[in-house]
Amino acid sequence: MRTAIIQVNAFTERPFLGNPAGVVTDASGLSDAVMQSIARQMNLSETAFIFPSKRPDAPVRIRWFGPTCEVPLCGHATIASFHALTLEGRYGLAARKTHLLNVACQAGVLPVRVVHERERITVFFGLPLPNFTDLTFNVDELIGLLGLTAADLDYALPPKRQGGYWFIPIKSLEAMRRMRPNFEGLKYWCGGPCLALFTLETMDAGSDWHMRFFAPSFGINEDPVTGTAQGVMGVYMAMFGPAARREKREFLGEQGDIIGRCGRVLVNASGQNGRIEAIEIGGTAVLMLSGEIYW
């Protein structure tokens, strides 16, 4: 048996940068076991499998598999998927214009917006709104696992939890570069949360934060560019960051530069009367590989 598969780098316009995702644009007939085996063979943070949906409100269904398990939501692989579907002209996405459609996934029915102008394809993906809770942890244990000092933490911003993601503010880019994570230790520390470490110091003047993301308990030591975490950061900034004071709602997040996989994520929040009612991430992508996988 064989299946057509491609690899697309998301959140970049340049080859070899951004976050790579495997994409199977027609996964009809593939079993769970085969999809998991393909994702393990690709050995990327996620591989997306796309099916026609039977739902009248969502023509496309996506499932995402990491090397070790299926995941309920993935931002960069969705950006990669709709870039690929547009290139192949599936689901009416060939024409150079703006398309609005919904995608069904484990996280529910979520909106996708594809803007195809000239040769540039920009994909926007709506995410569920986060529900933050306060976060406490042993500072000495964390800085020991990261190779930092207590002075490297930014105490002006609150650490927060969103599901299995822990958002922890760091004071400077220099500290972000200096991190030497103990991934084996982080895998089991406090149940193995995904750590979204961020600083308000940025590589580019037009960006709003720089992030590193560690998820060793899910087989991903460091994710190059994490769309879901970047989307949550937009809400975090609108609620707790400097943007809260001036009601800024459009952001640009950085990630991947420190490990040589520079990526940029557009984050748009919307709402009324000071409330955030919707969040979407957006970015471009680059086709890197195209072929068949045999099984």
C-alpha atoms as a PDB file:
ATOM      1  CA  MET A   1       0.000   0.000   0.000  1.00  0.00           C
ATOM      2  CA  ARG A   2       1.105   3.569  -0.519  1.00  0.00           C
ATOM      3  CA  THR A   3      -0.197   7.039   0.319  1.00  0.00           C
ATOM      4  CA  ALA A   4       0.672  10.445  -1.112  1.00  0.00           C
ATOM      5  CA  ILE A   5       2.243  12.691   1.516  1.00  0.00           C
ATOM      6  CA  ILE A   6       3.937  16.086   1.577  1.00  0.00           C
ATOM      7  CA  GLN A   7       5.915  18.109   4.088  1.00  0.00           C
ATOM      8  CA  VAL A   8       5.141  21.798   4.544  1.00  0.00           C
ATOM      9  CA  ASN A   9       6.972  24.310   6.752  1.00  0.00           C
ATOM     10  CA  ALA A  10       4.487  26.610   8.471  1.00  0.00           C
ATOM     11  CA  PHE A  11       4.858  30.191   9.720  1.00  0.00           C
ATOM     12  CA  THR A  12       7.552  31.096   7.221  1.00  0.00           C
ATOM     13  CA  GLU A  13       8.005  32.134   3.609  1.00  0.00           C
ATOM     14  CA  ARG A  14      11.536  30.730   3.368  1.00  0.00           C
ATOM     15  CA  PRO A  15      12.603  27.102   2.948  1.00  0.00           C
ATOM     16  CA  PHE A  16      14.221  25.316   5.902  1.00  0.00           C
ATOM     17  CA  LEU A  17      12.656  27.683   8.473  1.00  0.00           C
ATOM     18  CA  GLY A  18       9.406  27.601  10.445  1.00  0.00           C
ATOM     19  CA  ASN A  19       7.804  24.418  11.771  1.00  0.00           C
ATOM     20  CA  PRO A  20       7.579  21.381   9.461  1.00  0.00           C
ATOM     21  CA  ALA A  21       4.405  19.302   9.336  1.00  0.00           C
ATOM     22  CA  GLY A  22       3.533  16.198   7.387  1.00  0.00           C
ATOM     23  CA  VAL A  23       0.277  16.482   5.440  1.00  0.00           C
ATOM     24  CA  VAL A  24      -1.808  13.715   3.875  1.00  0.00           C
ATOM     25  CA  THR A  25      -4.385  15.658   1.859  1.00  0.00           C
ATOM     26  CA  ASP A  26      -6.538  12.549   1.241  1.00  0.00           C
ATOM     27  CA  ALA A  27      -6.452  10.186   4.204  1.00  0.00           C
ATOM     28  CA  SER A  28      -9.666   8.354   3.293  1.00  0.00           C
ATOM     29  CA  GLY A  29      -9.457   4.701   4.283  1.00  0.00           C
ATOM     30  CA  LEU A  30      -6.426   5.009   6.566  1.00  0.00           C
ATOM     31  CA  SER A  31      -6.798   3.307   9.942  1.00  0.00           C
ATOM     32  CA  ASP A  32      -5.732   4.852  13.228  1.00  0.00           C
ATOM     33  CA  ALA A  33      -2.820   2.416  13.417  1.00  0.00           C
ATOM     34  CA  VAL A  34      -1.576   3.344   9.943  1.00  0.00           C
ATOM     35  CA  MET A  35      -1.854   7.072  10.627  1.00  0.00           C
ATOM     36  CA  GLN A  36       0.079   6.673  13.857  1.00  0.00           C
ATOM     37  CA  SER A  37       2.748   4.651  12.042  1.00  0.00           C
ATOM     38  CA  ILE A  38       3.044   7.286   9.305  1.00  0.00           C
ATOM     39  CA  ALA A  39       3.393  10.043  11.929  1.00  0.00           C
ATOM     40  CA  ARG A  40       6.055   8.018  13.728  1.00  0.00           C
ATOM     41  CA  GLN A  41       7.920   7.500  10.453  1.00  0.00           C
ATOM     42  CA  MET A  42       7.747  11.218   9.603  1.00  0.00           C
ATOM     43  CA  ASN A  43       9.021  11.971  13.136  1.00  0.00           C
ATOM     44  CA  LEU A  44       7.746  15.555  13.059  1.00  0.00           C
ATOM     45  CA  SER A  45       5.930  17.231  15.910  1.00  0.00           C
ATOM     46  CA  GLU A  46       2.651  16.617  14.020  1.00  0.00           C
ATOM     47  CA  THR A  47       1.396  15.047  10.805  1.00  0.00           C
ATOM     48  CA  ALA A  48      -2.076  16.088   9.608  1.00  0.00           C
ATOM     49  CA  PHE A  49      -4.546  13.700   7.977  1.00  0.00           C
ATOM     50  CA  ILE A  50      -7.384  15.289   6.008  1.00  0.00           C
ATOM     51  CA  PHE A  51     -10.764  13.755   5.193  1.00  0.00           C
ATOM     52  CA  PRO A  52     -14.018  14.944   3.636  1.00  0.00           C
ATOM     53  CA  SER A  53     -16.436  15.668   6.444  1.00  0.00           C
ATOM     54  CA  LYS A  54     -20.041  14.536   6.584  1.00  0.00           C
ATOM     55  CA  ARG A  55     -20.993  17.594   8.604  1.00  0.00           C
ATOM     56  CA  PRO A  56     -23.003  20.187   6.638  1.00  0.00           C
ATOM     57  CA  ASP A  57     -21.281  23.007   8.531  1.00  0.00           C
ATOM     58  CA  ALA A  58     -17.700  21.781   7.985  1.00  0.00           C
ATOM     59  CA  PRO A  59     -16.600  20.257   4.639  1.00  0.00           C
ATOM     60  CA  VAL A  60     -13.132  19.300   5.937  1.00  0.00           C
ATOM     61  CA  ARG A  61     -12.099  17.071   8.843  1.00  0.00           C
ATOM     62  CA  ILE A  62      -8.536  16.984  10.203  1.00  0.00           C
ATOM     63  CA  ARG A  63      -6.816  14.627  12.616  1.00  0.00           C
ATOM     64  CA  TRP A  64      -3.317  15.318  13.929  1.00  0.00           C
ATOM     65  CA  PHE A  65      -0.834  12.696  15.094  1.00  0.00           C
ATOM     66  CA  GLY A  66       2.488  13.257  16.811  1.00  0.00           C
ATOM     67  CA  PRO A  67       5.205  10.596  16.875  1.00  0.00           C
ATOM     68  CA  THR A  68       3.652   8.891  19.900  1.00  0.00           C
ATOM     69  CA  CYS A  69      -0.060   9.799  20.026  1.00  0.00           C
ATOM     70  CA  GLU A  70      -2.974  11.651  18.467  1.00  0.00           C
ATOM     71  CA  VAL A  71      -3.405  15.265  19.582  1.00  0.00           C
ATOM     72  CA  PRO A  72      -6.728  17.154  19.728  1.00  0.00           C
ATOM     73  CA  LEU A  73      -5.507  20.430  18.207  1.00  0.00           C
ATOM     74  CA  CYS A  74      -2.507  21.660  16.225  1.00  0.00           C
ATOM     75  CA  GLY A  75      -2.009  25.124  14.782  1.00  0.00           C
ATOM     76  CA  HIS A  76       1.062  24.829  12.560  1.00  0.00           C
ATOM     77  CA  ALA A  77      -0.111  21.598  10.912  1.00  0.00           C
ATOM     78  CA  THR A  78      -3.444  23.272  10.112  1.00  0.00           C
ATOM     79  CA  ILE A  79      -1.700  26.229   8.479  1.00  0.00           C
ATOM     80  CA  ALA A  80       0.398  23.691   6.532  1.00  0.00           C
ATOM     81  CA  SER A  81      -2.686  21.643   5.592  1.00  0.00           C
ATOM     82  CA  PHE A  82      -4.671  24.491   4.099  1.00  0.00           C
ATOM     83  CA  HIS A  83      -1.602  25.748   2.271  1.00  0.00           C
ATOM     84  CA  ALA A  84      -1.348  22.277   0.727  1.00  0.00           C
ATOM     85  CA  LEU A  85      -5.076  22.039  -0.043  1.00  0.00           C
ATOM     86  CA  THR A  86      -4.911  25.416  -1.784  1.00  0.00           C
ATOM     87  CA  LEU A  87      -1.918  24.336  -3.888  1.00  0.00           C
ATOM     88  CA  GLU A  88      -3.790  21.185  -4.917  1.00  0.00           C
ATOM     89  CA  GLY A  89      -7.076  23.024  -5.522  1.00  0.00           C
ATOM     90  CA  ARG A  90      -9.096  20.842  -3.159  1.00  0.00           C
ATOM     91  CA  TYR A  91     -12.364  21.944  -1.544  1.00  0.00           C
ATOM     92  CA  GLY A  92     -12.661  24.843  -3.982  1.00  0.00           C
ATOM     93  CA  LEU A  93      -9.522  26.583  -2.704  1.00  0.00           C
ATOM     94  CA  ALA A  94      -7.732  27.057  -6.045  1.00  0.00           C
ATOM     95  CA  ALA A  95      -9.012  30.500  -7.054  1.00  0.00           C
ATOM     96  CA  ARG A  96      -6.941  33.478  -5.924  1.00  0.00           C
ATOM     97  CA  LYS A  97      -9.330  35.039  -3.466  1.00  0.00           C
ATOM     98  CA  THR A  98     -10.414  34.840   0.171  1.00  0.00           C
ATOM     99  CA  HIS A  99     -12.136  31.634   1.275  1.00  0.00           C
ATOM    100  CA  LEU A 100     -14.050  31.053   4.500  1.00  0.00           C
ATOM    101  CA  LEU A 101     -14.835  27.536   5.680  1.00  0.00           C
ATOM    102  CA  ASN A 102     -15.025  25.430   8.812  1.00  0.00           C
ATOM    103  CA  VAL A 103     -12.927  22.427   9.759  1.00  0.00           C
ATOM    104  CA  ALA A 104     -14.093  19.617  12.036  1.00  0.00           C
ATOM    105  CA  CYS A 105     -11.623  18.206  14.554  1.00  0.00           C
ATOM    106  CA  GLN A 106     -11.474  16.768  18.050  1.00  0.00           C
ATOM    107  CA  ALA A 107     -11.573  20.300  19.476  1.00  0.00           C
ATOM    108  CA  GLY A 108     -14.885  21.004  17.696  1.00  0.00           C
ATOM    109  CA  VAL A 109     -15.775  22.938  14.541  1.00  0.00           C
ATOM    110  CA  LEU A 110     -13.294  25.768  14.003  1.00  0.00           C
ATOM    111  CA  PRO A 111     -13.130  28.504  11.337  1.00  0.00           C
ATOM    112  CA  VAL A 112     -10.449  28.751   8.656  1.00  0.00           C
ATOM    113  CA  ARG A 113      -9.796  31.751   6.434  1.00  0.00           C
ATOM    114  CA  VAL A 114      -7.544  31.374   3.386  1.00  0.00           C
ATOM    115  CA  VAL A 115      -6.309  34.576   1.718  1.00  0.00           C
ATOM    116  CA  HIS A 116      -4.755  33.812  -1.683  1.00  0.00           C
ATOM    117  CA  GLU A 117      -3.253  36.930  -3.243  1.00  0.00           C
ATOM    118  CA  ARG A 118      -0.884  36.669  -6.194  1.00  0.00           C
ATOM    119  CA  GLU A 119       1.576  33.946  -5.167  1.00  0.00           C
ATOM    120  CA  ARG A 120       1.121  34.356  -1.406  1.00  0.00           C
ATOM    121  CA  ILE A 121      -1.197  32.064   0.557  1.00  0.00           C
ATOM    122  CA  THR A 122      -1.946  33.177   4.120  1.00  0.00           C
ATOM    123  CA  VAL A 123      -4.011  30.854   6.286  1.00  0.00           C
ATOM    124  CA  PHE A 124      -5.874  31.969   9.434  1.00  0.00           C
ATOM    125  CA  PHE A 125      -7.192  29.405  11.908  1.00  0.00           C
ATOM    126  CA  GLY A 126      -9.654  30.158  14.691  1.00  0.00           C
ATOM    127  CA  LEU A 127      -8.868  28.588  18.065  1.00  0.00           C
ATOM    128  CA  PRO A 128     -10.997  27.873  21.127  1.00  0.00           C
ATOM    129  CA  LEU A 129     -10.781  30.649  23.695  1.00  0.00           C
ATOM    130  CA  PRO A 130      -8.378  29.801  26.529  1.00  0.00           C
ATOM    131  CA  ASN A 131      -9.392  29.580  30.163  1.00  0.00           C
ATOM    132  CA  PHE A 132      -6.482  30.748  32.300  1.00  0.00           C
ATOM    133  CA  THR A 133      -5.902  29.695  35.884  1.00  0.00           C
ATOM    134  CA  ASP A 134      -3.254  30.862  38.323  1.00  0.00           C
ATOM    135  CA  LEU A 135      -0.008  28.907  38.277  1.00  0.00           C
ATOM    136  CA  THR A 136       2.348  28.180  41.159  1.00  0.00           C
ATOM    137  CA  PHE A 137       5.474  26.054  40.982  1.00  0.00           C
ATOM    138  CA  ASN A 138       8.774  25.461  42.724  1.00  0.00           C
ATOM    139  CA  VAL A 139      11.008  28.187  41.307  1.00  0.00           C
ATOM    140  CA  ASP A 140      14.250  26.495  42.343  1.00  0.00           C
ATOM    141  CA  GLU A 141      13.272  23.247  40.631  1.00  0.00           C
ATOM    142  CA  LEU A 142      12.248  25.030  37.422  1.00  0.00           C
ATOM    143  CA  ILE A 143      15.319  27.213  37.063  1.00  0.00           C
ATOM    144  CA  GLY A 144      17.487  24.182  37.788  1.00  0.00           C
ATOM    145  CA  LEU A 145      15.819  22.244  34.958  1.00  0.00           C
ATOM    146  CA  LEU A 146      16.160  25.220  32.586  1.00  0.00           C
ATOM    147  CA  GLY A 147      19.725  26.168  33.513  1.00  0.00           C
ATOM    148  CA  LEU A 148      18.646  29.661  34.603  1.00  0.00           C
ATOM    149  CA  THR A 149      18.665  31.713  37.802  1.00  0.00           C
ATOM    150  CA  ALA A 150      15.749  33.155  39.753  1.00  0.00           C
ATOM    151  CA  ALA A 151      16.717  36.609  38.466  1.00  0.00           C
ATOM    152  CA  ASP A 152      15.941  35.460  34.914  1.00  0.00           C
ATOM    153  CA  LEU A 153      12.210  35.175  35.637  1.00  0.00           C
ATOM    154  CA  ASP A 154      10.015  38.199  34.900  1.00  0.00           C
ATOM    155  CA  TYR A 155       8.057  38.846  38.089  1.00  0.00           C
ATOM    156  CA  ALA A 156       6.186  41.795  36.546  1.00  0.00           C
ATOM    157  CA  LEU A 157       3.955  39.372  34.609  1.00  0.00           C
ATOM    158  CA  PRO A 158       1.866  36.539  36.076  1.00  0.00           C
ATOM    159  CA  PRO A 159       2.587  32.884  35.258  1.00  0.00           C
ATOM    160  CA  LYS A 160      -0.610  31.224  34.024  1.00  0.00           C
ATOM    161  CA  ARG A 161      -1.905  27.773  33.187  1.00  0.00           C
ATOM    162  CA  GLN A 162      -4.089  26.960  30.174  1.00  0.00           C
ATOM    163  CA  GLY A 163      -4.903  23.267  30.104  1.00  0.00           C
ATOM    164  CA  GLY A 164      -1.607  21.412  29.904  1.00  0.00           C
ATOM    165  CA  TYR A 165       0.287  24.555  28.845  1.00  0.00           C
ATOM    166  CA  TRP A 166       2.213  26.561  31.436  1.00  0.00           C
ATOM    167  CA  PHE A 167       2.983  30.159  30.397  1.00  0.00           C
ATOM    168  CA  ILE A 168       6.023  31.437  32.279  1.00  0.00           C
ATOM    169  CA  PRO A 169       7.485  34.938  31.673  1.00  0.00           C
ATOM    170  CA  ILE A 170      11.252  35.311  31.241  1.00  0.00           C
ATOM    171  CA  LYS A 171      13.008  38.659  31.655  1.00  0.00           C
ATOM    172  CA  SER A 172      15.224  38.825  28.559  1.00  0.00           C
ATOM    173  CA  LEU A 173      16.187  37.369  25.204  1.00  0.00           C
ATOM    174  CA  GLU A 174      19.644  36.785  26.627  1.00  0.00           C
ATOM    175  CA  ALA A 175      18.141  34.439  29.233  1.00  0.00           C
ATOM    176  CA  MET A 176      16.092  32.686  26.543  1.00  0.00           C
ATOM    177  CA  ARG A 177      19.277  32.057  24.563  1.00  0.00           C
ATOM    178  CA  ARG A 178      21.129  30.909  27.666  1.00  0.00           C
ATOM    179  CA  MET A 179      18.628  28.179  28.558  1.00  0.00           C
ATOM    180  CA  ARG A 180      20.037  24.658  28.655  1.00  0.00           C
ATOM    181  CA  PRO A 181      16.929  22.566  29.351  1.00  0.00           C
ATOM    182  CA  ASN A 182      17.146  19.198  31.058  1.00  0.00           C
ATOM    183  CA  PHE A 183      14.528  17.548  28.855  1.00  0.00           C
ATOM    184  CA  GLU A 184      14.590  14.232  30.691  1.00  0.00           C
ATOM    185  CA  GLY A 185      13.931  16.055  33.950  1.00  0.00           C
ATOM    186  CA  LEU A 186      11.219  18.247  32.417  1.00  0.00           C
ATOM    187  CA  LYS A 187       9.470  15.150  31.064  1.00  0.00           C
ATOM    188  CA  TYR A 188       8.507  14.126  34.593  1.00  0.00           C
ATOM    189  CA  TRP A 189       8.555  17.430  36.483  1.00  0.00           C
ATOM    190  CA  CYS A 190       5.099  18.293  37.862  1.00  0.00           C
ATOM    191  CA  GLY A 191       3.438  15.723  35.610  1.00  0.00           C
ATOM    192  CA  GLY A 192       5.237  16.831  32.477  1.00  0.00           C
ATOM    193  CA  PRO A 193       3.480  20.066  31.435  1.00  0.00           C
ATOM    194  CA  CYS A 194       4.170  21.800  28.130  1.00  0.00           C
ATOM    195  CA  LEU A 195       6.218  24.903  28.941  1.00  0.00           C
ATOM    196  CA  ALA A 196       5.615  28.086  26.956  1.00  0.00           C
ATOM    197  CA  LEU A 197       8.445  30.370  28.065  1.00  0.00           C
ATOM    198  CA  PHE A 198       8.221  33.909  26.722  1.00  0.00           C
ATOM    199  CA  THR A 199       9.836  37.319  26.937  1.00  0.00           C
ATOM    200  CA  LEU A 200       8.653  40.744  25.823  1.00  0.00           C
ATOM    201  CA  GLU A 201      12.120  41.373  24.363  1.00  0.00           C
ATOM    202  CA  THR A 202      12.008  40.471  20.668  1.00  0.00           C
ATOM    203  CA  MET A 203      14.268  39.851  17.708  1.00  0.00           C
ATOM    204  CA  ASP A 204      12.267  42.184  15.456  1.00  0.00           C
ATOM    205  CA  ALA A 205      11.045  45.651  16.369  1.00  0.00           C
ATOM    206  CA  GLY A 206       7.522  44.903  15.136  1.00  0.00           C
ATOM    207  CA  SER A 207       7.007  41.765  17.240  1.00  0.00           C
ATOM    208  CA  ASP A 208       5.239  41.552  20.592  1.00  0.00           C
ATOM    209  CA  TRP A 209       6.943  38.571  22.286  1.00  0.00           C
ATOM    210  CA  HIS A 210       9.472  35.808  21.758  1.00  0.00           C
ATOM    211  CA  MET A 211       8.640  32.245  22.823  1.00  0.00           C
ATOM    212  CA  ARG A 212      10.293  28.887  23.341  1.00  0.00           C
ATOM    213  CA  PHE A 213       8.099  25.811  23.797  1.00  0.00           C
ATOM    214  CA  PHE A 214       9.149  22.539  25.455  1.00  0.00           C
ATOM    215  CA  ALA A 215       6.970  19.392  25.461  1.00  0.00           C
ATOM    216  CA  PRO A 216       9.289  16.428  26.162  1.00  0.00           C
ATOM    217  CA  SER A 217       6.492  14.394  27.770  1.00  0.00           C
ATOM    218  CA  PHE A 218       4.834  14.322  24.315  1.00  0.00           C
ATOM    219  CA  GLY A 219       8.031  13.345  22.503  1.00  0.00           C
ATOM    220  CA  ILE A 220       8.808  16.943  21.447  1.00  0.00           C
ATOM    221  CA  ASN A 221      11.772  18.406  23.298  1.00  0.00           C
ATOM    222  CA  GLU A 222      11.456  21.822  21.646  1.00  0.00           C
ATOM    223  CA  ASP A 223       8.788  22.725  19.131  1.00  0.00           C
ATOM    224  CA  PRO A 224      10.088  25.238  16.556  1.00  0.00           C
ATOM    225  CA  VAL A 225       6.886  27.321  16.201  1.00  0.00           C
ATOM    226  CA  THR A 226       3.765  26.441  18.203  1.00  0.00           C
ATOM    227  CA  GLY A 227       0.594  27.913  16.722  1.00  0.00           C
ATOM    228  CA  THR A 228      -1.767  26.980  19.547  1.00  0.00           C
ATOM    229  CA  ALA A 229       0.525  28.393  22.240  1.00  0.00           C
ATOM    230  CA  GLN A 230       1.072  31.556  20.212  1.00  0.00           C
ATOM    231  CA  GLY A 231      -2.694  32.008  19.918  1.00  0.00           C
ATOM    232  CA  VAL A 232      -3.132  31.642  23.664  1.00  0.00           C
ATOM    233  CA  MET A 233      -0.346  34.217  24.116  1.00  0.00           C
ATOM    234  CA  GLY A 234      -2.426  36.740  22.207  1.00  0.00           C
ATOM    235  CA  VAL A 235      -5.218  36.379  24.763  1.00  0.00           C
ATOM    236  CA  TYR A 236      -2.676  36.434  27.607  1.00  0.00           C
ATOM    237  CA  MET A 237      -1.247  39.701  26.303  1.00  0.00           C
ATOM    238  CA  ALA A 238      -4.692  41.234  25.861  1.00  0.00           C
ATOM    239  CA  MET A 239      -5.626  40.284  29.437  1.00  0.00           C
ATOM    240  CA  PHE A 240      -2.407  40.540  31.466  1.00  0.00           C
ATOM    241  CA  GLY A 241       0.321  42.181  29.367  1.00  0.00           C
ATOM    242  CA  PRO A 242       1.062  45.778  28.385  1.00  0.00           C
ATOM    243  CA  ALA A 243      -1.533  45.421  25.610  1.00  0.00           C
ATOM    244  CA  ALA A 244      -4.293  45.218  28.216  1.00  0.00           C
ATOM    245  CA  ARG A 245      -3.817  48.896  29.038  1.00  0.00           C
ATOM    246  CA  ARG A 246      -4.149  50.073  25.469  1.00  0.00           C
ATOM    247  CA  GLU A 247      -6.551  47.373  24.243  1.00  0.00           C
ATOM    248  CA  LYS A 248      -4.235  46.161  21.520  1.00  0.00           C
ATOM    249  CA  ARG A 249      -5.773  43.184  19.712  1.00  0.00           C
ATOM    250  CA  GLU A 250      -3.396  42.355  16.834  1.00  0.00           C
ATOM    251  CA  PHE A 251      -0.057  40.756  17.627  1.00  0.00           C
ATOM    252  CA  LEU A 252       2.995  39.193  16.052  1.00  0.00           C
ATOM    253  CA  GLY A 253       4.671  36.352  17.922  1.00  0.00           C
ATOM    254  CA  GLU A 254       8.222  35.099  17.382  1.00  0.00           C
ATOM    255  CA  GLN A 255       9.584  31.602  17.873  1.00  0.00           C
ATOM    256  CA  GLY A 256      12.293  29.296  16.597  1.00  0.00           C
ATOM    257  CA  ASP A 257      15.103  31.785  16.006  1.00  0.00           C
ATOM    258  CA  ILE A 258      17.260  30.409  18.811  1.00  0.00           C
ATOM    259  CA  ILE A 259      17.228  26.903  17.302  1.00  0.00           C
ATOM    260  CA  GLY A 260      17.619  28.080  13.701  1.00  0.00           C
ATOM    261  CA  ARG A 261      13.936  27.642  12.697  1.00  0.00           C
ATOM    262  CA  CYS A 262      12.749  31.270  12.670  1.00  0.00           C
ATOM    263  CA  GLY A 263       8.950  31.577  12.480  1.00  0.00           C
ATOM    264  CA  ARG A 264       6.410  34.368  12.810  1.00  0.00           C
ATOM    265  CA  VAL A 265       2.765  33.969  13.863  1.00  0.00           C
ATOM    266  CA  LEU A 266       0.014  36.534  13.333  1.00  0.00           C
ATOM    267  CA  VAL A 267      -2.434  36.548  16.248  1.00  0.00           C
ATOM    268  CA  ASN A 268      -5.741  38.401  16.013  1.00  0.00           C
ATOM    269  CA  ALA A 269      -8.087  38.807  18.977  1.00  0.00           C
ATOM    270  CA  SER A 270     -11.554  40.294  18.677  1.00  0.00           C
ATOM    271  CA  GLY A 271     -14.362  41.246  21.028  1.00  0.00           C
ATOM    272  CA  GLN A 272     -16.368  44.094  22.467  1.00  0.00           C
ATOM    273  CA  ASN A 273     -16.467  46.077  25.710  1.00  0.00           C
ATOM    274  CA  GLY A 274     -13.001  44.944  26.726  1.00  0.00           C
ATOM    275  CA  ARG A 275     -13.822  41.245  26.345  1.00  0.00           C
ATOM    276  CA  ILE A 276     -12.021  38.756  24.094  1.00  0.00           C
ATOM    277  CA  GLU A 277     -14.610  36.735  22.185  1.00  0.00           C
ATOM    278  CA  ALA A 278     -12.546  35.142  19.394  1.00  0.00           C
ATOM    279  CA  ILE A 279      -8.905  34.395  18.601  1.00  0.00           C
ATOM    280  CA  GLU A 280      -7.193  33.323  15.393  1.00  0.00           C
ATOM    281  CA  ILE A 281      -3.641  32.585  14.349  1.00  0.00           C
ATOM    282  CA  GLY A 282      -2.300  33.145  10.870  1.00  0.00           C
ATOM    283  CA  GLY A 283       0.754  32.577   8.751  1.00  0.00           C
ATOM    284  CA  THR A 284       2.291  31.584   5.467  1.00  0.00           C
ATOM    285  CA  ALA A 285       3.948  28.284   4.584  1.00  0.00           C
ATOM    286  CA  VAL A 286       6.401  26.648   2.185  1.00  0.00           C
ATOM    287  CA  LEU A 287       6.099  23.294   0.425  1.00  0.00           C
ATOM    288  CA  MET A 288       9.279  21.324   1.119  1.00  0.00           C
ATOM    289  CA  LEU A 289       8.760  17.677   0.073  1.00  0.00           C
ATOM    290  CA  SER A 290       6.270  15.740  -2.037  1.00  0.00           C
ATOM    291  CA  GLY A 291       6.107  11.996  -2.557  1.00  0.00           C
ATOM    292  CA  GLU A 292       4.579   8.704  -1.436  1.00  0.00           C
ATOM    293  CA  ILE A 293       4.959   6.680   1.707  1.00  0.00           C
ATOM    294  CA  TYR A 294       4.753   2.888   1.421  1.00  0.00           C
ATOM    295  CA  TRP A 295       3.204   0.663   4.057  1.00  0.00           C
END
